[in-house]
Protein backbone atom coordinates (compact mmCIF):
# COMPACT_ATOMS: atom_id res chain seq x y z
CA ASN A 1 18.67 13.41 -18.83
CA PHE A 2 22.17 13.97 -17.74
CA PRO A 3 23.67 11.54 -15.11
CA LEU A 4 26.91 12.21 -12.99
CA ASP A 5 27.03 9.19 -11.66
CA LEU A 6 29.19 6.62 -14.80
CA ALA A 7 27.70 3.49 -13.24
CA SER A 8 23.74 4.46 -13.18
CA ALA A 9 24.18 6.53 -16.65
CA GLU A 10 22.44 3.17 -18.26
CA VAL A 11 19.19 4.85 -16.29
CA PRO A 12 17.46 7.44 -16.43
CA SER A 13 18.63 9.24 -13.80
CA THR A 14 17.98 13.52 -14.13
CA ASN A 15 21.18 14.45 -12.02
CA GLY A 16 22.23 18.00 -12.28
C-alpha cells in the first residue's frame, strides 16, 4: 500500500 496522504499513512489505504 502506498498512502499518498501522510496523515493517513498509519491506516492501510490504497492511494495510488
